[in-house]
PDB file of all heavy atoms in Angstrom:
ATOM      1  N   GLY A   1      11.995   3.850  -0.606  1.00  0.00           N
ATOM      2  CA  GLY A   1      11.535   5.013  -1.104  1.00  0.00           C
ATOM      3  C   GLY A   1      10.570   5.830  -0.308  1.00  0.00           C
ATOM      4  O   GLY A   1      10.210   5.434   0.858  1.00  0.00           O
ATOM      5  N   TYR A   2      10.221   7.003  -0.723  1.00  0.00           N
ATOM      6  CA  TYR A   2       9.336   7.921   0.000  1.00  0.00           C
ATOM      7  C   TYR A   2       8.013   7.228   0.424  1.00  0.00           C
ATOM      8  O   TYR A   2       7.630   7.350   1.537  1.00  0.00           O
ATOM      9  CB  TYR A   2       9.061   9.181  -0.812  1.00  0.00           C
ATOM     10  CG  TYR A   2       8.283  10.213  -0.105  1.00  0.00           C
ATOM     11  CD1 TYR A   2       8.928  11.222   0.726  1.00  0.00           C
ATOM     12  CD2 TYR A   2       6.929  10.315  -0.174  1.00  0.00           C
ATOM     13  CE1 TYR A   2       8.236  12.249   1.245  1.00  0.00           C
ATOM     14  CE2 TYR A   2       6.153  11.355   0.476  1.00  0.00           C
ATOM     15  CZ  TYR A   2       6.841  12.220   1.217  1.00  0.00           C
ATOM     16  OH  TYR A   2       6.158  13.201   1.829  1.00  0.00           O
ATOM     17  N   ASP A   3       7.400   6.586  -0.571  1.00  0.00           N
ATOM     18  CA  ASP A   3       6.123   6.012  -0.275  1.00  0.00           C
ATOM     19  C   ASP A   3       6.293   4.911   0.800  1.00  0.00           C
ATOM     20  O   ASP A   3       5.393   4.716   1.684  1.00  0.00           O
ATOM     21  CB  ASP A   3       5.548   5.254  -1.534  1.00  0.00           C
ATOM     22  CG  ASP A   3       5.143   6.277  -2.556  1.00  0.00           C
ATOM     23  OD1 ASP A   3       4.683   7.343  -2.130  1.00  0.00           O
ATOM     24  OD2 ASP A   3       5.222   5.930  -3.748  1.00  0.00           O
ATOM     25  N   VAL A   4       7.354   4.124   0.841  1.00  0.00           N
ATOM     26  CA  VAL A   4       7.566   3.090   1.802  1.00  0.00           C
ATOM     27  C   VAL A   4       7.727   3.687   3.156  1.00  0.00           C
ATOM     28  O   VAL A   4       7.103   3.200   4.213  1.00  0.00           O
ATOM     29  CB  VAL A   4       8.813   2.281   1.531  1.00  0.00           C
ATOM     30  CG1 VAL A   4       9.095   1.332   2.584  1.00  0.00           C
ATOM     31  CG2 VAL A   4       8.569   1.438   0.160  1.00  0.00           C
ATOM     32  N   GLU A   5       8.375   4.868   3.286  1.00  0.00           N
ATOM     33  CA  GLU A   5       8.561   5.486   4.614  1.00  0.00           C
ATOM     34  C   GLU A   5       7.199   6.018   5.090  1.00  0.00           C
ATOM     35  O   GLU A   5       6.873   5.952   6.337  1.00  0.00           O
ATOM     36  CB  GLU A   5       9.517   6.737   4.463  1.00  0.00           C
ATOM     37  CG  GLU A   5      10.930   6.316   4.139  1.00  0.00           C
ATOM     38  CD  GLU A   5      11.499   5.316   5.203  1.00  0.00           C
ATOM     39  OE1 GLU A   5      11.360   5.609   6.400  1.00  0.00           O
ATOM     40  OE2 GLU A   5      12.134   4.203   4.787  1.00  0.00           O
ATOM     41  N   ILE A   6       6.366   6.543   4.271  1.00  0.00           N
ATOM     42  CA  ILE A   6       5.041   6.989   4.653  1.00  0.00           C
ATOM     43  C   ILE A   6       4.227   5.798   5.029  1.00  0.00           C
ATOM     44  O   ILE A   6       3.477   5.803   6.096  1.00  0.00           O
ATOM     45  CB  ILE A   6       4.303   7.724   3.480  1.00  0.00           C
ATOM     46  CG1 ILE A   6       5.101   9.015   3.177  1.00  0.00           C
ATOM     47  CG2 ILE A   6       2.868   8.028   3.867  1.00  0.00           C
ATOM     48  CD1 ILE A   6       5.104  10.034   4.289  1.00  0.00           C
ATOM     49  N   ALA A   7       4.351   4.596   4.347  1.00  0.00           N
ATOM     50  CA  ALA A   7       3.612   3.477   4.674  1.00  0.00           C
ATOM     51  C   ALA A   7       3.877   2.858   5.983  1.00  0.00           C
ATOM     52  O   ALA A   7       3.029   2.354   6.723  1.00  0.00           O
ATOM     53  CB  ALA A   7       3.840   2.418   3.578  1.00  0.00           C
ATOM     54  N   LYS A   8       5.149   2.933   6.312  1.00  0.00           N
ATOM     55  CA  LYS A   8       5.684   2.485   7.673  1.00  0.00           C
ATOM     56  C   LYS A   8       5.027   3.297   8.797  1.00  0.00           C
ATOM     57  O   LYS A   8       4.620   2.677   9.820  1.00  0.00           O
ATOM     58  CB  LYS A   8       7.146   2.537   7.709  1.00  0.00           C
ATOM     59  CG  LYS A   8       7.936   1.443   6.944  1.00  0.00           C
ATOM     60  CD  LYS A   8       9.247   1.854   6.568  1.00  0.00           C
ATOM     61  CE  LYS A   8      10.230   1.993   7.659  1.00  0.00           C
ATOM     62  NZ  LYS A   8      11.686   2.125   7.092  1.00  0.00           N
ATOM     63  N   ARG A   9       4.945   4.586   8.564  1.00  0.00           N
ATOM     64  CA  ARG A   9       4.213   5.398   9.679  1.00  0.00           C
ATOM     65  C   ARG A   9       2.783   5.062   9.816  1.00  0.00           C
ATOM     66  O   ARG A   9       2.276   5.037  10.924  1.00  0.00           O
ATOM     67  CB  ARG A   9       4.495   6.900   9.278  1.00  0.00           C
ATOM     68  CG  ARG A   9       5.992   7.352   9.314  1.00  0.00           C
ATOM     69  CD  ARG A   9       6.125   8.641   8.723  1.00  0.00           C
ATOM     70  NE  ARG A   9       7.601   9.047   8.785  1.00  0.00           N
ATOM     71  CZ  ARG A   9       8.103  10.019   9.537  1.00  0.00           C
ATOM     72  NH1 ARG A   9       7.271  10.792  10.293  1.00  0.00           N
ATOM     73  NH2 ARG A   9       9.354  10.306   9.444  1.00  0.00           N
ATOM     74  N   VAL A  10       2.170   4.908   8.652  1.00  0.00           N
ATOM     75  CA  VAL A  10       0.769   4.588   8.661  1.00  0.00           C
ATOM     76  C   VAL A  10       0.490   3.281   9.370  1.00  0.00           C
ATOM     77  O   VAL A  10      -0.429   3.078  10.225  1.00  0.00           O
ATOM     78  CB  VAL A  10       0.191   4.519   7.251  1.00  0.00           C
ATOM     79  CG1 VAL A  10      -1.256   4.048   7.277  1.00  0.00           C
ATOM     80  CG2 VAL A  10       0.199   6.000   6.730  1.00  0.00           C
ATOM     81  N   ALA A  11       1.275   2.251   8.979  1.00  0.00           N
ATOM     82  CA  ALA A  11       1.166   0.934   9.581  1.00  0.00           C
ATOM     83  C   ALA A  11       1.340   0.869  11.068  1.00  0.00           C
ATOM     84  O   ALA A  11       0.599   0.390  11.800  1.00  0.00           O
ATOM     85  CB  ALA A  11       2.045  -0.080   8.858  1.00  0.00           C
ATOM     86  N   ASP A  12       2.351   1.661  11.559  1.00  0.00           N
ATOM     87  CA  ASP A  12       2.669   1.740  12.986  1.00  0.00           C
ATOM     88  C   ASP A  12       1.555   2.371  13.681  1.00  0.00           C
ATOM     89  O   ASP A  12       1.183   1.866  14.803  1.00  0.00           O
ATOM     90  CB  ASP A  12       3.944   2.574  13.156  1.00  0.00           C
ATOM     91  CG  ASP A  12       5.176   1.857  12.761  1.00  0.00           C
ATOM     92  OD1 ASP A  12       5.105   0.558  12.599  1.00  0.00           O
ATOM     93  OD2 ASP A  12       6.268   2.441  12.676  1.00  0.00           O
ATOM     94  N   ALA A  13       0.944   3.465  13.106  1.00  0.00           N
ATOM     95  CA  ALA A  13      -0.135   4.157  13.830  1.00  0.00           C
ATOM     96  C   ALA A  13      -1.368   3.259  13.898  1.00  0.00           C
ATOM     97  O   ALA A  13      -2.163   3.367  14.867  1.00  0.00           O
ATOM     98  CB  ALA A  13      -0.484   5.387  13.082  1.00  0.00           C
ATOM     99  N   LEU A  14      -1.641   2.444  12.968  1.00  0.00           N
ATOM    100  CA  LEU A  14      -2.757   1.470  12.903  1.00  0.00           C
ATOM    101  C   LEU A  14      -2.486   0.219  13.746  1.00  0.00           C
ATOM    102  O   LEU A  14      -3.429  -0.614  13.883  1.00  0.00           O
ATOM    103  CB  LEU A  14      -3.130   1.086  11.470  1.00  0.00           C
ATOM    104  CG  LEU A  14      -3.643   2.250  10.563  1.00  0.00           C
ATOM    105  CD1 LEU A  14      -3.887   1.684   9.169  1.00  0.00           C
ATOM    106  CD2 LEU A  14      -4.848   2.983  11.111  1.00  0.00           C
ATOM    107  N   GLY A  15      -1.265   0.042  14.192  1.00  0.00           N
ATOM    108  CA  GLY A  15      -0.977  -1.166  14.876  1.00  0.00           C
ATOM    109  C   GLY A  15      -0.896  -2.395  14.069  1.00  0.00           C
ATOM    110  O   GLY A  15      -1.189  -3.499  14.573  1.00  0.00           O
ATOM    111  N   LYS A  16      -0.447  -2.240  12.800  1.00  0.00           N
ATOM    112  CA  LYS A  16      -0.463  -3.362  11.921  1.00  0.00           C
ATOM    113  C   LYS A  16       0.937  -3.602  11.260  1.00  0.00           C
ATOM    114  O   LYS A  16       1.790  -2.735  11.364  1.00  0.00           O
ATOM    115  CB  LYS A  16      -1.413  -3.064  10.700  1.00  0.00           C
ATOM    116  CG  LYS A  16      -2.941  -3.104  11.215  1.00  0.00           C
ATOM    117  CD  LYS A  16      -3.876  -2.857  10.026  1.00  0.00           C
ATOM    118  CE  LYS A  16      -5.265  -2.775  10.477  1.00  0.00           C
ATOM    119  NZ  LYS A  16      -6.206  -2.663   9.288  1.00  0.00           N
ATOM    120  N   GLU A  17       1.157  -4.764  10.849  1.00  0.00           N
ATOM    121  CA  GLU A  17       2.482  -5.082  10.174  1.00  0.00           C
ATOM    122  C   GLU A  17       2.360  -4.711   8.745  1.00  0.00           C
ATOM    123  O   GLU A  17       1.425  -5.047   8.053  1.00  0.00           O
ATOM    124  CB  GLU A  17       2.750  -6.640  10.312  1.00  0.00           C
ATOM    125  CG  GLU A  17       4.052  -7.054   9.607  1.00  0.00           C
ATOM    126  CD  GLU A  17       4.210  -8.556   9.647  1.00  0.00           C
ATOM    127  OE1 GLU A  17       3.463  -9.262  10.247  1.00  0.00           O
ATOM    128  OE2 GLU A  17       5.088  -9.006   8.857  1.00  0.00           O
ATOM    129  N   LEU A  18       3.404  -3.977   8.232  1.00  0.00           N
ATOM    130  CA  LEU A  18       3.366  -3.624   6.869  1.00  0.00           C
ATOM    131  C   LEU A  18       3.764  -4.718   5.949  1.00  0.00           C
ATOM    132  O   LEU A  18       4.739  -5.351   6.150  1.00  0.00           O
ATOM    133  CB  LEU A  18       4.349  -2.360   6.693  1.00  0.00           C
ATOM    134  CG  LEU A  18       4.586  -1.888   5.288  1.00  0.00           C
ATOM    135  CD1 LEU A  18       3.229  -1.398   4.683  1.00  0.00           C
ATOM    136  CD2 LEU A  18       5.648  -0.743   5.262  1.00  0.00           C
ATOM    137  N   VAL A  19       2.979  -4.927   4.911  1.00  0.00           N
ATOM    138  CA  VAL A  19       3.232  -5.906   3.861  1.00  0.00           C
ATOM    139  C   VAL A  19       3.213  -5.118   2.561  1.00  0.00           C
ATOM    140  O   VAL A  19       2.210  -4.466   2.173  1.00  0.00           O
ATOM    141  CB  VAL A  19       2.238  -7.038   3.834  1.00  0.00           C
ATOM    142  CG1 VAL A  19       2.486  -8.013   2.612  1.00  0.00           C
ATOM    143  CG2 VAL A  19       2.300  -7.865   5.180  1.00  0.00           C
ATOM    144  N   ILE A  20       4.424  -5.166   1.803  1.00  0.00           N
ATOM    145  CA  ILE A  20       4.458  -4.511   0.533  1.00  0.00           C
ATOM    146  C   ILE A  20       4.054  -5.514  -0.638  1.00  0.00           C
ATOM    147  O   ILE A  20       4.686  -6.574  -0.727  1.00  0.00           O
ATOM    148  CB  ILE A  20       5.822  -3.979   0.234  1.00  0.00           C
ATOM    149  CG1 ILE A  20       6.207  -2.933   1.266  1.00  0.00           C
ATOM    150  CG2 ILE A  20       5.921  -3.438  -1.232  1.00  0.00           C
ATOM    151  CD1 ILE A  20       5.384  -1.544   1.161  1.00  0.00           C
ATOM    152  N   VAL A  21       3.093  -5.127  -1.425  1.00  0.00           N
ATOM    153  CA  VAL A  21       2.649  -5.987  -2.503  1.00  0.00           C
ATOM    154  C   VAL A  21       3.046  -5.236  -3.794  1.00  0.00           C
ATOM    155  O   VAL A  21       2.449  -4.222  -4.229  1.00  0.00           O
ATOM    156  CB  VAL A  21       1.102  -6.231  -2.465  1.00  0.00           C
ATOM    157  CG1 VAL A  21       0.733  -7.194  -3.638  1.00  0.00           C
ATOM    158  CG2 VAL A  21       0.722  -6.828  -1.165  1.00  0.00           C
ATOM    159  N   LYS A  22       4.070  -5.725  -4.511  1.00  0.00           N
ATOM    160  CA  LYS A  22       4.523  -5.143  -5.781  1.00  0.00           C
ATOM    161  C   LYS A  22       3.453  -5.264  -6.906  1.00  0.00           C
ATOM    162  O   LYS A  22       3.074  -6.445  -7.192  1.00  0.00           O
ATOM    163  CB  LYS A  22       5.793  -5.703  -6.204  1.00  0.00           C
ATOM    164  CG  LYS A  22       6.549  -4.965  -7.348  1.00  0.00           C
ATOM    165  CD  LYS A  22       7.951  -5.597  -7.570  1.00  0.00           C
ATOM    166  CE  LYS A  22       8.616  -4.780  -8.694  1.00  0.00           C
ATOM    167  NZ  LYS A  22      10.035  -5.307  -8.774  1.00  0.00           N
ATOM    168  N   THR A  23       2.947  -4.157  -7.381  1.00  0.00           N
ATOM    169  CA  THR A  23       1.787  -4.263  -8.325  1.00  0.00           C
ATOM    170  C   THR A  23       2.058  -3.228  -9.431  1.00  0.00           C
ATOM    171  O   THR A  23       2.431  -2.111  -9.294  1.00  0.00           O
ATOM    172  CB  THR A  23       0.541  -3.852  -7.549  1.00  0.00           C
ATOM    173  OG1 THR A  23       0.453  -4.574  -6.353  1.00  0.00           O
ATOM    174  CG2 THR A  23      -0.728  -4.017  -8.464  1.00  0.00           C
ATOM    175  N   GLU A  24       1.770  -3.672 -10.652  1.00  0.00           N
ATOM    176  CA  GLU A  24       1.804  -2.790 -11.808  1.00  0.00           C
ATOM    177  C   GLU A  24       0.898  -1.623 -11.646  1.00  0.00           C
ATOM    178  O   GLU A  24      -0.161  -1.776 -11.046  1.00  0.00           O
ATOM    179  CB  GLU A  24       1.483  -3.604 -13.169  1.00  0.00           C
ATOM    180  CG  GLU A  24       2.467  -4.651 -13.524  1.00  0.00           C
ATOM    181  CD  GLU A  24       3.828  -4.040 -13.915  1.00  0.00           C
ATOM    182  OE1 GLU A  24       3.894  -2.939 -14.356  1.00  0.00           O
ATOM    183  OE2 GLU A  24       4.898  -4.841 -13.732  1.00  0.00           O
ATOM    184  N   TRP A  25       1.247  -0.504 -12.217  1.00  0.00           N
ATOM    185  CA  TRP A  25       0.512   0.714 -12.114  1.00  0.00           C
ATOM    186  C   TRP A  25      -1.011   0.532 -12.424  1.00  0.00           C
ATOM    187  O   TRP A  25      -1.922   0.883 -11.649  1.00  0.00           O
ATOM    188  CB  TRP A  25       1.126   1.803 -12.940  1.00  0.00           C
ATOM    189  CG  TRP A  25       0.255   3.124 -12.839  1.00  0.00           C
ATOM    190  CD1 TRP A  25      -0.542   3.590 -13.800  1.00  0.00           C
ATOM    191  CD2 TRP A  25       0.305   4.060 -11.788  1.00  0.00           C
ATOM    192  NE1 TRP A  25      -1.078   4.782 -13.430  1.00  0.00           N
ATOM    193  CE2 TRP A  25      -0.533   5.098 -12.215  1.00  0.00           C
ATOM    194  CE3 TRP A  25       1.036   4.178 -10.619  1.00  0.00           C
ATOM    195  CZ2 TRP A  25      -0.831   6.216 -11.367  1.00  0.00           C
ATOM    196  CZ3 TRP A  25       0.815   5.297  -9.893  1.00  0.00           C
ATOM    197  CH2 TRP A  25      -0.147   6.264 -10.194  1.00  0.00           C
ATOM    198  N   ASP A  26      -1.261  -0.072 -13.576  1.00  0.00           N
ATOM    199  CA  ASP A  26      -2.638  -0.325 -14.008  1.00  0.00           C
ATOM    200  C   ASP A  26      -3.374  -1.255 -13.133  1.00  0.00           C
ATOM    201  O   ASP A  26      -4.617  -1.392 -13.258  1.00  0.00           O
ATOM    202  CB  ASP A  26      -2.685  -0.759 -15.506  1.00  0.00           C
ATOM    203  CG  ASP A  26      -2.447   0.468 -16.418  1.00  0.00           C
ATOM    204  OD1 ASP A  26      -2.476   1.569 -16.034  1.00  0.00           O
ATOM    205  OD2 ASP A  26      -2.243   0.177 -17.644  1.00  0.00           O
ATOM    206  N   GLY A  27      -2.657  -2.042 -12.332  1.00  0.00           N
ATOM    207  CA  GLY A  27      -3.293  -3.058 -11.521  1.00  0.00           C
ATOM    208  C   GLY A  27      -3.635  -2.595 -10.163  1.00  0.00           C
ATOM    209  O   GLY A  27      -4.275  -3.361  -9.396  1.00  0.00           O
ATOM    210  N   LEU A  28      -3.112  -1.332  -9.758  1.00  0.00           N
ATOM    211  CA  LEU A  28      -3.393  -0.917  -8.447  1.00  0.00           C
ATOM    212  C   LEU A  28      -4.867  -0.760  -8.039  1.00  0.00           C
ATOM    213  O   LEU A  28      -5.296  -1.226  -6.911  1.00  0.00           O
ATOM    214  CB  LEU A  28      -2.640   0.409  -8.197  1.00  0.00           C
ATOM    215  CG  LEU A  28      -1.105   0.257  -8.149  1.00  0.00           C
ATOM    216  CD1 LEU A  28      -0.464   1.655  -8.207  1.00  0.00           C
ATOM    217  CD2 LEU A  28      -0.713  -0.425  -6.870  1.00  0.00           C
ATOM    218  N   LEU A  29      -5.649  -0.083  -8.879  1.00  0.00           N
ATOM    219  CA  LEU A  29      -7.067   0.167  -8.437  1.00  0.00           C
ATOM    220  C   LEU A  29      -7.817  -1.211  -8.433  1.00  0.00           C
ATOM    221  O   LEU A  29      -8.555  -1.458  -7.481  1.00  0.00           O
ATOM    222  CB  LEU A  29      -7.686   1.073  -9.465  1.00  0.00           C
ATOM    223  CG  LEU A  29      -7.315   2.604  -9.377  1.00  0.00           C
ATOM    224  CD1 LEU A  29      -8.014   3.467 -10.445  1.00  0.00           C
ATOM    225  CD2 LEU A  29      -7.670   3.126  -7.977  1.00  0.00           C
ATOM    226  N   PRO A  30      -7.647  -2.105  -9.421  1.00  0.00           N
ATOM    227  CA  PRO A  30      -8.351  -3.411  -9.355  1.00  0.00           C
ATOM    228  C   PRO A  30      -7.837  -4.209  -8.139  1.00  0.00           C
ATOM    229  O   PRO A  30      -8.765  -4.899  -7.450  1.00  0.00           O
ATOM    230  CB  PRO A  30      -7.887  -4.071 -10.640  1.00  0.00           C
ATOM    231  CG  PRO A  30      -7.597  -3.019 -11.543  1.00  0.00           C
ATOM    232  CD  PRO A  30      -7.046  -1.888 -10.821  1.00  0.00           C
ATOM    233  N   ALA A  31      -6.606  -4.120  -7.817  1.00  0.00           N
ATOM    234  CA  ALA A  31      -6.078  -4.863  -6.562  1.00  0.00           C
ATOM    235  C   ALA A  31      -6.773  -4.327  -5.255  1.00  0.00           C
ATOM    236  O   ALA A  31      -7.036  -5.049  -4.356  1.00  0.00           O
ATOM    237  CB  ALA A  31      -4.614  -4.742  -6.557  1.00  0.00           C
ATOM    238  N   LEU A  32      -6.916  -3.093  -5.225  1.00  0.00           N
ATOM    239  CA  LEU A  32      -7.553  -2.419  -4.095  1.00  0.00           C
ATOM    240  C   LEU A  32      -9.024  -2.843  -4.033  1.00  0.00           C
ATOM    241  O   LEU A  32      -9.498  -3.250  -2.933  1.00  0.00           O
ATOM    242  CB  LEU A  32      -7.454  -0.874  -4.127  1.00  0.00           C
ATOM    243  CG  LEU A  32      -8.011  -0.103  -2.930  1.00  0.00           C
ATOM    244  CD1 LEU A  32      -7.334  -0.540  -1.653  1.00  0.00           C
ATOM    245  CD2 LEU A  32      -7.874   1.370  -3.108  1.00  0.00           C
ATOM    246  N   GLU A  33      -9.684  -2.717  -5.122  1.00  0.00           N
ATOM    247  CA  GLU A  33     -11.193  -3.042  -5.035  1.00  0.00           C
ATOM    248  C   GLU A  33     -11.431  -4.475  -4.896  1.00  0.00           C
ATOM    249  O   GLU A  33     -12.481  -4.829  -4.298  1.00  0.00           O
ATOM    250  CB  GLU A  33     -11.738  -2.575  -6.468  1.00  0.00           C
ATOM    251  CG  GLU A  33     -11.717  -1.065  -6.616  1.00  0.00           C
ATOM    252  CD  GLU A  33     -12.266  -0.644  -7.972  1.00  0.00           C
ATOM    253  OE1 GLU A  33     -11.630  -0.829  -9.031  1.00  0.00           O
ATOM    254  OE2 GLU A  33     -13.469  -0.235  -8.081  1.00  0.00           O
ATOM    255  N   SER A  34     -10.524  -5.352  -5.207  1.00  0.00           N
ATOM    256  CA  SER A  34     -10.712  -6.810  -4.988  1.00  0.00           C
ATOM    257  C   SER A  34     -10.013  -7.295  -3.738  1.00  0.00           C
ATOM    258  O   SER A  34      -9.951  -8.512  -3.528  1.00  0.00           O
ATOM    259  CB  SER A  34     -10.170  -7.542  -6.188  1.00  0.00           C
ATOM    260  OG  SER A  34      -8.712  -7.320  -6.361  1.00  0.00           O
ATOM    261  N   ASN A  35      -9.662  -6.449  -2.866  1.00  0.00           N
ATOM    262  CA  ASN A  35      -9.094  -6.761  -1.531  1.00  0.00           C
ATOM    263  C   ASN A  35      -7.707  -7.528  -1.610  1.00  0.00           C
ATOM    264  O   ASN A  35      -7.293  -8.119  -0.565  1.00  0.00           O
ATOM    265  CB  ASN A  35     -10.060  -7.665  -0.737  1.00  0.00           C
ATOM    266  CG  ASN A  35     -11.391  -6.871  -0.432  1.00  0.00           C
ATOM    267  OD1 ASN A  35     -11.398  -5.779  -0.131  1.00  0.00           O
ATOM    268  ND2 ASN A  35     -12.494  -7.682  -0.583  1.00  0.00           N
ATOM    269  N   VAL A  36      -7.012  -7.439  -2.703  1.00  0.00           N
ATOM    270  CA  VAL A  36      -5.731  -7.986  -2.796  1.00  0.00           C
ATOM    271  C   VAL A  36      -4.770  -7.092  -1.956  1.00  0.00           C
ATOM    272  O   VAL A  36      -3.850  -7.615  -1.349  1.00  0.00           O
ATOM    273  CB  VAL A  36      -5.262  -8.014  -4.238  1.00  0.00           C
ATOM    274  CG1 VAL A  36      -3.801  -8.515  -4.318  1.00  0.00           C
ATOM    275  CG2 VAL A  36      -6.036  -9.088  -4.978  1.00  0.00           C
ATOM    276  N   ILE A  37      -5.039  -5.769  -1.967  1.00  0.00           N
ATOM    277  CA  ILE A  37      -4.283  -4.879  -1.100  1.00  0.00           C
ATOM    278  C   ILE A  37      -5.286  -4.028  -0.331  1.00  0.00           C
ATOM    279  O   ILE A  37      -6.493  -3.956  -0.656  1.00  0.00           O
ATOM    280  CB  ILE A  37      -3.368  -3.924  -1.916  1.00  0.00           C
ATOM    281  CG1 ILE A  37      -4.160  -3.137  -3.014  1.00  0.00           C
ATOM    282  CG2 ILE A  37      -2.346  -4.747  -2.678  1.00  0.00           C
ATOM    283  CD1 ILE A  37      -3.410  -2.153  -3.752  1.00  0.00           C
ATOM    284  N   ASP A  38      -4.813  -3.399   0.741  1.00  0.00           N
ATOM    285  CA  ASP A  38      -5.622  -2.543   1.605  1.00  0.00           C
ATOM    286  C   ASP A  38      -5.454  -1.060   1.374  1.00  0.00           C
ATOM    287  O   ASP A  38      -6.296  -0.266   1.702  1.00  0.00           O
ATOM    288  CB  ASP A  38      -5.256  -2.854   3.133  1.00  0.00           C
ATOM    289  CG  ASP A  38      -5.463  -4.242   3.473  1.00  0.00           C
ATOM    290  OD1 ASP A  38      -6.434  -4.876   3.166  1.00  0.00           O
ATOM    291  OD2 ASP A  38      -4.471  -4.777   4.113  1.00  0.00           O
ATOM    292  N   ALA A  39      -4.368  -0.692   0.715  1.00  0.00           N
ATOM    293  CA  ALA A  39      -4.087   0.777   0.518  1.00  0.00           C
ATOM    294  C   ALA A  39      -3.157   0.843  -0.783  1.00  0.00           C
ATOM    295  O   ALA A  39      -2.376  -0.003  -1.034  1.00  0.00           O
ATOM    296  CB  ALA A  39      -3.568   1.405   1.700  1.00  0.00           C
ATOM    297  N   ILE A  40      -3.268   1.971  -1.417  1.00  0.00           N
ATOM    298  CA  ILE A  40      -2.439   2.365  -2.563  1.00  0.00           C
ATOM    299  C   ILE A  40      -1.498   3.543  -1.961  1.00  0.00           C
ATOM    300  O   ILE A  40      -2.037   4.581  -1.687  1.00  0.00           O
ATOM    301  CB  ILE A  40      -3.112   2.788  -3.826  1.00  0.00           C
ATOM    302  CG1 ILE A  40      -3.996   1.717  -4.294  1.00  0.00           C
ATOM    303  CG2 ILE A  40      -2.132   3.298  -4.806  1.00  0.00           C
ATOM    304  CD1 ILE A  40      -4.886   2.107  -5.450  1.00  0.00           C
ATOM    305  N   ILE A  41      -0.254   3.268  -1.843  1.00  0.00           N
ATOM    306  CA  ILE A  41       0.677   4.382  -1.496  1.00  0.00           C
ATOM    307  C   ILE A  41       1.818   4.303  -2.546  1.00  0.00           C
ATOM    308  O   ILE A  41       2.856   3.717  -2.338  1.00  0.00           O
ATOM    309  CB  ILE A  41       1.271   4.214  -0.003  1.00  0.00           C
ATOM    310  CG1 ILE A  41       0.109   3.955   0.945  1.00  0.00           C
ATOM    311  CG2 ILE A  41       2.068   5.360   0.322  1.00  0.00           C
ATOM    312  CD1 ILE A  41       0.562   3.818   2.434  1.00  0.00           C
ATOM    313  N   ALA A  42       1.514   4.990  -3.597  1.00  0.00           N
ATOM    314  CA  ALA A  42       2.341   4.812  -4.842  1.00  0.00           C
ATOM    315  C   ALA A  42       2.514   6.087  -5.674  1.00  0.00           C
ATOM    316  O   ALA A  42       2.539   6.009  -6.851  1.00  0.00           O
ATOM    317  CB  ALA A  42       1.694   3.704  -5.729  1.00  0.00           C
ATOM    318  N   GLY A  43       2.571   7.201  -5.044  1.00  0.00           N
ATOM    319  CA  GLY A  43       2.702   8.451  -5.751  1.00  0.00           C
ATOM    320  C   GLY A  43       1.455   8.757  -6.536  1.00  0.00           C
ATOM    321  O   GLY A  43       1.618   9.340  -7.656  1.00  0.00           O
ATOM    322  N   MET A  44       0.321   8.324  -6.213  1.00  0.00           N
ATOM    323  CA  MET A  44      -0.942   8.423  -6.977  1.00  0.00           C
ATOM    324  C   MET A  44      -1.589   9.801  -6.654  1.00  0.00           C
ATOM    325  O   MET A  44      -1.884  10.082  -5.530  1.00  0.00           O
ATOM    326  CB  MET A  44      -1.882   7.282  -6.795  1.00  0.00           C
ATOM    327  CG  MET A  44      -3.158   7.331  -7.526  1.00  0.00           C
ATOM    328  SD  MET A  44      -4.173   5.850  -7.318  1.00  0.00           S
ATOM    329  CE  MET A  44      -3.307   4.763  -8.516  1.00  0.00           C
TER     330      MET A  44
END
């Protein structure tokens, strides 16, 4: 999807490997704040 294509560009620019973590909508903010994920790229 669109978000994944944007995420790939961001990861490449940062020199990092992209890892997709499937997360329920309501769990995105808590996951970011608790370091489970590094970024939310989810049409937010």
